[in-house]
Amino acid sequence: MPATRTTLRRGIAVAAALPLLAVALTACGYGSEAKKDDKVAPAAKGEKLSVDTVKVGYFQNLTHATALVGDQEGLIQKELGGTKLASTTFNAGPSEIEALNAGSIDIGFIGPSPSINGYTKSKGKNLRIIGGSASGGVKLVVNPDKIKTLDDVKGKKIATPQLGNTQDVAFLNWIAEKGWKVDAQSGKGDVSVVRTENKVAPDAYKSGSIDGAWVPEPTASKLVSEGAKVLLDESTLWPDKKFVITNIIVSQKFLKDHPDVVEAVLRGSVKTNAWINANPDKAKASANAKLKELTGKALAPEVIDPAWKSIQFTDDPLAATLQTEADHAVKASLLKEPDLAGIYDLTLLNKVLKAEGKPEVADASLGVK
């Protein structure tokens, strides 16, 4: 299992001490629900919710910037009041699902494929998707000396992060749409699909062991900084150029036992996305600061600038695209026809969105009954 790294966040004092953040929170409507109900929310008084600590997992990827920024700026902690946020980072979806199943985390920011796999393997008993986070941020980048057109990809070595992960499924589906044949398990065929960890991909590209990669940000832009060119942005393959890349999951037990905590985290996520979209440059810098804290190195401007532009931050989990991604995995023989009924519970998210004056979102008939 890939190594994880844990960071404990302390209280709400840090966030409350930042004038800029206070202004941003006011602009995002913090406290509006308390005024309407003529009550002071627990977060405003610094009281604990129904647990002392909530354990939240996410990746060290820009596609998880809602979590990066929400953690860095204290926006999620602000909503939790005296309940502490304990954040843990992961390098791959399976390890995060294992952590959720083991109770090592309660809530996670994660991609659609591990969400689907985790739900189906547990026969629908371990998790729910409770919100959206991001769309886009995935590209096919290639060596321009070897690949000049999409048809030139045939016969080349293209990396994906992991067998059966979200980008692997997308690439295998794209290959099938081209009419080419590849054995999904081995990656051998008309295209060589080389499963390569994101952190290894730039060195693999420089050494010539891969000719390109279908990867999320910031890996795609890191490869471009090494001389690769963007051949295809995956968003162009989807209706309205939107598809889920990161959603929010929770263990069903934690959701049942601590809905107040789940609602607070979702409120923090919604307010974080509003702040990101209203302050893109400040949010980009915040995400980079968190990445530096987690990895020891910030992203260079030539990497983070183009990467950031390709990601859309959204509260909508884009449920219809999850079903499509599941269909792609079935087509690639990586998944048996799944029963995704009940994978979503957007009740608390829609409650938060309504309180914020935002439109509610749909579960594409995949919600709990």
Protein backbone atom coordinates (compact mmCIF):
# COMPACT_ATOMS: atom_id res chain seq x y z
CA MET A 1 0.00 0.00 0.00
CA PRO A 2 1.44 3.42 -0.91
CA ALA A 3 2.78 5.36 2.03
CA THR A 4 0.46 7.86 3.65
CA ARG A 5 1.29 11.05 5.42
CA THR A 6 -0.73 12.49 8.28
CA THR A 7 -1.11 16.11 9.26
CA LEU A 8 -3.14 17.24 12.25
CA ARG A 9 -4.85 20.58 11.94
CA ARG A 10 -5.25 22.65 15.13
CA GLY A 11 -8.54 24.35 15.97
CA ILE A 12 -10.00 27.33 14.22
CA ALA A 13 -7.75 30.02 15.62
CA VAL A 14 -5.47 30.12 12.60
CA ALA A 15 -8.34 30.70 10.19
CA ALA A 16 -10.06 33.18 12.44
CA ALA A 17 -6.85 35.22 12.77
CA LEU A 18 -6.60 35.88 9.06
CA PRO A 19 -8.44 39.11 8.13
CA LEU A 20 -8.55 38.25 4.46
CA LEU A 21 -10.10 34.88 5.20
CA ALA A 22 -12.65 36.45 7.50
CA VAL A 23 -13.72 38.78 4.70
CA ALA A 24 -13.88 35.87 2.27
CA LEU A 25 -16.01 33.82 4.63
CA THR A 26 -18.41 36.74 5.12
CA ALA A 27 -18.67 37.11 1.36
CA CYS A 28 -19.41 33.38 1.07
CA GLY A 29 -22.31 33.75 3.52
CA TYR A 30 -20.81 32.22 6.66
CA GLY A 31 -23.26 32.50 9.51
CA SER A 32 -26.27 33.19 7.26
CA GLU A 33 -28.04 30.02 8.36
CA ALA A 34 -27.53 30.91 12.02
CA LYS A 35 -29.16 34.31 11.46
CA LYS A 36 -32.14 32.77 9.75
CA ASP A 37 -32.63 30.27 12.57
CA ASP A 38 -31.89 32.89 15.25
CA LYS A 39 -29.27 30.55 16.70
CA VAL A 40 -25.51 30.59 16.90
CA ALA A 41 -23.97 27.68 15.02
CA PRO A 42 -21.57 25.43 16.99
CA ALA A 43 -18.71 26.53 14.71
CA ALA A 44 -19.28 30.17 15.59
CA LYS A 45 -19.02 29.41 19.31
CA GLY A 46 -16.10 27.00 18.93
CA GLU A 47 -18.10 24.12 20.36
CA LYS A 48 -17.38 20.52 19.46
CA LEU A 49 -19.78 18.63 17.27
CA SER A 50 -20.59 14.96 17.94
CA VAL A 51 -16.93 13.83 17.70
CA ASP A 52 -13.66 15.26 18.97
CA THR A 53 -11.86 14.68 15.64
CA VAL A 54 -12.89 13.97 12.05
CA LYS A 55 -10.35 12.19 9.86
CA VAL A 56 -10.31 13.35 6.24
CA GLY A 57 -8.20 11.93 3.39
CA TYR A 58 -7.15 13.42 0.05
CA PHE A 59 -4.43 13.26 -2.60
CA GLN A 60 -1.44 15.52 -3.17
CA ASN A 61 -2.93 16.45 -6.56
CA LEU A 62 -4.29 19.73 -7.88
CA THR A 63 -7.48 17.89 -8.76
CA HIS A 64 -7.93 17.67 -4.97
CA ALA A 65 -7.45 21.41 -4.51
CA THR A 66 -10.76 21.77 -2.66
CA ALA A 67 -9.22 19.72 0.13
CA LEU A 68 -5.77 21.33 -0.19
CA VAL A 69 -7.14 24.87 0.01
CA GLY A 70 -9.86 24.06 2.52
CA ASP A 71 -7.22 22.56 4.80
CA GLN A 72 -4.58 25.23 4.21
CA GLU A 73 -6.93 28.18 4.74
CA GLY A 74 -8.84 26.64 7.63
CA LEU A 75 -12.12 26.91 5.75
CA ILE A 76 -13.18 23.37 6.62
CA GLN A 77 -11.91 23.65 10.19
CA LYS A 78 -13.90 26.87 10.57
CA GLU A 79 -17.13 24.97 10.02
CA LEU A 80 -16.15 22.21 12.44
CA GLY A 81 -15.82 24.51 15.42
CA GLY A 82 -14.12 22.70 18.30
CA THR A 83 -14.07 19.39 16.43
CA LYS A 84 -10.56 18.99 15.04
CA LEU A 85 -9.77 18.19 11.43
CA ALA A 86 -7.10 15.50 11.05
CA SER A 87 -5.98 15.23 7.42
CA THR A 88 -4.18 12.32 5.80
CA THR A 89 -2.80 12.26 2.26
CA PHE A 90 -2.72 9.32 -0.13
CA ASN A 91 -1.01 8.48 -3.41
CA ALA A 92 -3.68 6.15 -4.82
CA GLY A 93 -7.38 5.44 -4.54
CA PRO A 94 -7.22 1.81 -3.33
CA SER A 95 -5.21 2.77 -0.27
CA GLU A 96 -7.71 5.52 0.58
CA ILE A 97 -10.60 3.06 0.27
CA GLU A 98 -8.73 0.64 2.54
CA ALA A 99 -8.29 3.44 5.07
CA LEU A 100 -12.01 4.27 4.90
CA ASN A 101 -12.96 0.62 5.36
CA ALA A 102 -10.58 0.31 8.33
CA GLY A 103 -11.86 3.48 9.98
CA SER A 104 -8.51 5.24 9.58
CA ILE A 105 -10.39 8.03 7.80
CA ASP A 106 -14.04 9.01 7.98
CA ILE A 107 -14.39 11.16 4.86
CA GLY A 108 -12.32 11.23 1.67
CA PHE A 109 -11.77 13.24 -1.48
CA ILE A 110 -11.26 10.62 -4.20
CA GLY A 111 -11.76 9.82 -7.88
CA PRO A 112 -14.76 8.06 -9.42
CA SER A 113 -13.15 4.68 -10.23
CA PRO A 114 -12.03 3.85 -6.67
CA SER A 115 -15.42 5.07 -5.43
CA ILE A 116 -17.17 2.67 -7.80
CA ASN A 117 -14.80 -0.21 -7.02
CA GLY A 118 -15.05 0.32 -3.27
CA TYR A 119 -18.84 0.45 -3.37
CA THR A 120 -19.28 -2.62 -5.55
CA LYS A 121 -16.72 -4.77 -3.69
CA SER A 122 -18.53 -4.08 -0.42
CA LYS A 123 -21.88 -4.83 -2.09
CA GLY A 124 -22.96 -1.27 -1.43
CA LYS A 125 -22.27 -1.32 2.30
CA ASN A 126 -19.12 0.74 2.91
CA LEU A 127 -19.43 4.23 1.43
CA ARG A 128 -21.63 6.94 0.02
CA ILE A 129 -20.70 9.73 -2.36
CA ILE A 130 -21.91 12.88 -0.62
CA GLY A 131 -20.61 15.70 -2.80
CA GLY A 132 -18.59 16.92 -5.73
CA SER A 133 -15.24 18.65 -5.75
CA ALA A 134 -13.67 18.98 -9.19
CA SER A 135 -14.08 18.34 -12.91
CA GLY A 136 -11.45 18.11 -15.63
CA GLY A 137 -7.70 18.41 -15.19
CA VAL A 138 -6.78 15.30 -17.22
CA LYS A 139 -4.74 15.35 -20.42
CA LEU A 140 -3.02 13.12 -22.93
CA VAL A 141 0.49 14.55 -23.27
CA VAL A 142 3.03 13.11 -25.68
CA ASN A 143 6.55 13.33 -27.07
CA PRO A 144 6.06 15.64 -30.08
CA ASP A 145 8.99 14.06 -31.90
CA LYS A 146 7.29 10.67 -31.90
CA ILE A 147 3.59 11.56 -31.85
CA LYS A 148 2.13 14.38 -33.90
CA THR A 149 -1.49 13.25 -34.35
CA LEU A 150 -3.95 11.14 -32.39
CA ASP A 151 -3.50 8.29 -34.88
CA ASP A 152 0.24 8.29 -34.10
CA VAL A 153 -0.53 7.02 -30.59
CA LYS A 154 -0.96 3.54 -32.07
CA GLY A 155 2.14 1.46 -31.43
CA LYS A 156 3.47 3.82 -28.74
CA LYS A 157 4.05 3.45 -24.98
CA ILE A 158 1.60 5.57 -23.02
CA ALA A 159 1.51 5.75 -19.23
CA THR A 160 -1.52 5.78 -16.97
CA PRO A 161 -1.23 6.04 -13.16
CA GLN A 162 -2.52 2.60 -12.19
CA LEU A 163 -4.41 -0.41 -13.55
CA GLY A 164 -8.12 0.34 -13.33
CA ASN A 165 -7.76 3.86 -11.97
CA THR A 166 -9.88 6.69 -13.38
CA GLN A 167 -7.38 7.76 -16.05
CA ASP A 168 -6.56 4.16 -16.99
CA VAL A 169 -10.24 3.44 -17.64
CA ALA A 170 -10.63 6.65 -19.65
CA PHE A 171 -7.61 5.86 -21.82
CA LEU A 172 -8.68 2.26 -22.42
CA ASN A 173 -12.10 3.51 -23.48
CA TRP A 174 -10.54 6.06 -25.83
CA ILE A 175 -8.39 3.30 -27.36
CA ALA A 176 -11.50 1.15 -27.91
CA GLU A 177 -13.29 4.09 -29.52
CA LYS A 178 -10.38 4.33 -31.97
CA GLY A 179 -11.00 0.70 -32.91
CA TRP A 180 -7.69 -0.49 -31.45
CA LYS A 181 -7.26 -3.58 -29.28
CA VAL A 182 -5.47 -3.70 -25.92
CA ASP A 183 -5.58 -6.36 -23.23
CA ALA A 184 -6.67 -4.34 -20.20
CA GLN A 185 -4.84 -6.44 -17.61
CA SER A 186 -1.44 -6.63 -19.30
CA GLY A 187 -1.68 -3.33 -21.18
CA LYS A 188 -0.37 -5.03 -24.33
CA GLY A 189 -1.83 -4.51 -27.77
CA ASP A 190 -2.09 -1.85 -30.45
CA VAL A 191 -0.97 0.63 -27.78
CA SER A 192 1.29 -0.29 -24.86
CA VAL A 193 -0.42 0.97 -21.71
CA VAL A 194 2.32 1.36 -19.12
CA ARG A 195 1.05 1.68 -15.56
CA THR A 196 3.34 4.24 -13.94
CA GLU A 197 2.93 6.19 -10.70
CA ASN A 198 2.40 9.90 -11.29
CA LYS A 199 5.54 10.83 -9.35
CA VAL A 200 7.60 8.50 -11.56
CA ALA A 201 6.11 9.53 -14.91
CA PRO A 202 8.35 12.60 -15.54
CA ASP A 203 11.54 10.54 -15.12
CA ALA A 204 10.06 7.75 -17.24
CA TYR A 205 9.35 10.30 -19.94
CA LYS A 206 12.85 11.79 -19.78
CA SER A 207 14.42 8.33 -20.03
CA GLY A 208 12.32 7.46 -23.08
CA SER A 209 10.62 4.48 -21.42
CA ILE A 210 7.25 6.07 -22.21
CA ASP A 211 6.21 8.17 -25.20
CA GLY A 212 3.43 10.00 -23.39
CA ALA A 213 0.85 9.74 -20.63
CA TRP A 214 -2.87 10.09 -19.92
CA VAL A 215 -2.63 11.70 -16.50
CA PRO A 216 -4.18 14.22 -14.09
CA GLU A 217 -2.74 17.55 -13.09
CA PRO A 218 -0.13 18.53 -12.11
CA THR A 219 1.58 15.49 -13.68
CA ALA A 220 0.44 16.46 -17.18
CA SER A 221 1.96 19.93 -16.89
CA LYS A 222 5.12 18.52 -15.31
CA LEU A 223 5.57 16.41 -18.44
CA VAL A 224 4.93 19.44 -20.63
CA SER A 225 7.68 21.26 -18.72
CA GLU A 226 9.96 18.38 -19.77
CA GLY A 227 9.15 18.94 -23.44
CA ALA A 228 5.90 17.01 -23.91
CA LYS A 229 2.94 18.52 -25.74
CA VAL A 230 -0.78 18.34 -24.93
CA LEU A 231 -2.40 16.20 -27.61
CA LEU A 232 -5.86 15.89 -26.03
CA ASP A 233 -7.73 17.37 -23.08
CA GLU A 234 -10.14 14.72 -21.77
CA SER A 235 -12.81 17.34 -21.09
CA THR A 236 -13.35 17.68 -24.85
CA LEU A 237 -14.69 14.11 -24.88
CA TRP A 238 -17.54 14.86 -22.44
CA PRO A 239 -20.87 16.69 -22.79
CA ASP A 240 -20.48 20.31 -21.68
CA LYS A 241 -16.78 19.46 -21.14
CA LYS A 242 -17.59 18.29 -17.61
CA PHE A 243 -16.84 14.97 -15.92
CA VAL A 244 -16.20 14.03 -12.32
CA ILE A 245 -12.52 13.78 -11.43
CA THR A 246 -12.85 14.19 -7.66
CA ASN A 247 -15.85 13.60 -5.40
CA ILE A 248 -16.34 13.33 -1.64
CA ILE A 249 -17.11 10.02 0.05
CA VAL A 250 -17.94 9.06 3.63
CA SER A 251 -18.23 5.76 5.45
CA GLN A 252 -21.88 4.85 5.85
CA LYS A 253 -21.41 4.28 9.58
CA PHE A 254 -19.90 7.72 10.10
CA LEU A 255 -22.68 9.32 8.04
CA LYS A 256 -25.32 7.59 10.13
CA ASP A 257 -23.66 8.31 13.49
CA HIS A 258 -22.36 11.85 12.87
CA PRO A 259 -24.44 13.69 10.24
CA ASP A 260 -23.65 17.01 11.96
CA VAL A 261 -19.92 16.52 11.30
CA VAL A 262 -20.51 15.42 7.71
CA GLU A 263 -22.67 18.48 7.11
CA ALA A 264 -19.98 20.74 8.57
CA VAL A 265 -17.31 19.26 6.27
CA LEU A 266 -19.61 19.68 3.28
CA ARG A 267 -20.33 23.26 4.28
CA GLY A 268 -16.58 23.83 4.46
CA SER A 269 -16.14 22.25 1.02
CA VAL A 270 -18.87 24.40 -0.53
CA LYS A 271 -17.43 27.56 1.01
CA THR A 272 -13.94 26.53 -0.13
CA ASN A 273 -15.07 26.05 -3.73
CA ALA A 274 -16.79 29.45 -3.61
CA TRP A 275 -13.59 31.04 -2.32
CA ILE A 276 -11.46 29.26 -4.95
CA ASN A 277 -13.72 30.41 -7.78
CA ALA A 278 -13.86 33.98 -6.46
CA ASN A 279 -10.10 34.17 -5.79
CA PRO A 280 -8.38 31.89 -8.33
CA ASP A 281 -4.88 33.35 -7.98
CA LYS A 282 -4.94 33.35 -4.18
CA ALA A 283 -6.43 29.85 -4.21
CA LYS A 284 -3.73 28.61 -6.58
CA ALA A 285 -1.04 30.00 -4.27
CA SER A 286 -2.76 28.41 -1.28
CA ALA A 287 -2.89 24.99 -2.94
CA ASN A 288 0.77 25.31 -3.86
CA ALA A 289 1.69 26.26 -0.29
CA LYS A 290 -0.09 23.14 0.98
CA LEU A 291 1.66 20.97 -1.61
CA LYS A 292 5.00 22.40 -0.49
CA GLU A 293 4.15 21.55 3.12
CA LEU A 294 3.16 18.00 2.17
CA THR A 295 5.87 17.18 -0.38
CA GLY A 296 8.67 19.57 0.52
CA LYS A 297 8.53 21.29 -2.86
CA ALA A 298 6.17 23.80 -4.45
CA LEU A 299 5.15 23.53 -8.09
CA ALA A 300 6.96 25.82 -10.52
CA PRO A 301 4.85 28.52 -12.24
CA GLU A 302 5.24 26.79 -15.61
CA VAL A 303 3.61 23.72 -14.08
CA ILE A 304 0.90 25.08 -11.81
CA ASP A 305 -0.34 27.90 -14.06
CA PRO A 306 -1.54 25.76 -17.00
CA ALA A 307 -2.61 22.96 -14.68
CA TRP A 308 -4.83 25.22 -12.61
CA LYS A 309 -6.62 26.61 -15.65
CA SER A 310 -7.78 23.16 -16.76
CA ILE A 311 -9.61 22.26 -13.53
CA GLN A 312 -13.16 23.33 -12.66
CA PHE A 313 -14.13 23.34 -8.99
CA THR A 314 -17.74 22.33 -8.48
CA ASP A 315 -20.02 21.14 -5.69
CA ASP A 316 -21.98 19.08 -8.22
CA PRO A 317 -20.76 15.45 -8.20
CA LEU A 318 -21.81 15.17 -11.87
CA ALA A 319 -23.50 11.87 -11.10
CA ALA A 320 -24.44 11.02 -14.67
CA THR A 321 -20.75 10.95 -15.63
CA LEU A 322 -20.01 8.45 -12.84
CA GLN A 323 -22.38 5.96 -14.46
CA THR A 324 -20.68 6.56 -17.80
CA GLU A 325 -17.24 5.95 -16.28
CA ALA A 326 -18.55 2.71 -14.76
CA ASP A 327 -19.83 1.70 -18.21
CA HIS A 328 -16.36 2.36 -19.63
CA ALA A 329 -14.78 0.09 -17.01
CA VAL A 330 -17.26 -2.66 -17.85
CA LYS A 331 -16.47 -2.28 -21.54
CA ALA A 332 -12.76 -2.62 -20.78
CA SER A 333 -13.45 -5.83 -18.82
CA LEU A 334 -12.11 -4.25 -15.65
CA LEU A 335 -15.46 -4.35 -13.87
CA LYS A 336 -18.53 -6.54 -13.90
CA GLU A 337 -21.80 -4.72 -14.50
CA PRO A 338 -22.14 -2.80 -11.23
CA ASP A 339 -25.26 -1.99 -9.26
CA LEU A 340 -24.64 1.63 -8.27
CA ALA A 341 -28.09 2.23 -6.81
CA GLY A 342 -27.65 4.01 -3.50
CA ILE A 343 -24.06 5.09 -4.06
CA TYR A 344 -25.10 8.75 -3.63
CA ASP A 345 -26.61 10.49 -0.63
CA LEU A 346 -26.78 14.18 -1.49
CA THR A 347 -29.26 15.10 1.23
CA LEU A 348 -26.80 17.04 3.37
CA LEU A 349 -25.09 18.65 0.39
CA ASN A 350 -28.40 19.93 -0.94
CA LYS A 351 -29.28 21.21 2.53
CA VAL A 352 -26.01 23.18 2.57
CA LEU A 353 -26.47 24.44 -0.98
CA LYS A 354 -30.00 25.60 -0.23
CA ALA A 355 -28.79 27.49 2.84
CA GLU A 356 -26.12 29.15 0.68
CA GLY A 357 -28.67 30.19 -1.93
CA LYS A 358 -27.24 27.79 -4.52
CA PRO A 359 -29.15 25.36 -6.74
CA GLU A 360 -29.49 21.77 -5.56
CA VAL A 361 -27.74 18.96 -7.48
CA ALA A 362 -29.02 15.65 -8.81
CA ASP A 363 -27.95 12.04 -8.17
CA ALA A 364 -28.89 10.69 -11.64
CA SER A 365 -31.28 8.20 -9.97
CA LEU A 366 -28.35 6.61 -8.13
CA GLY A 367 -29.25 7.96 -4.71
CA VAL A 368 -30.47 6.24 -1.58
CA LYS A 369 -34.19 5.54 -1.59
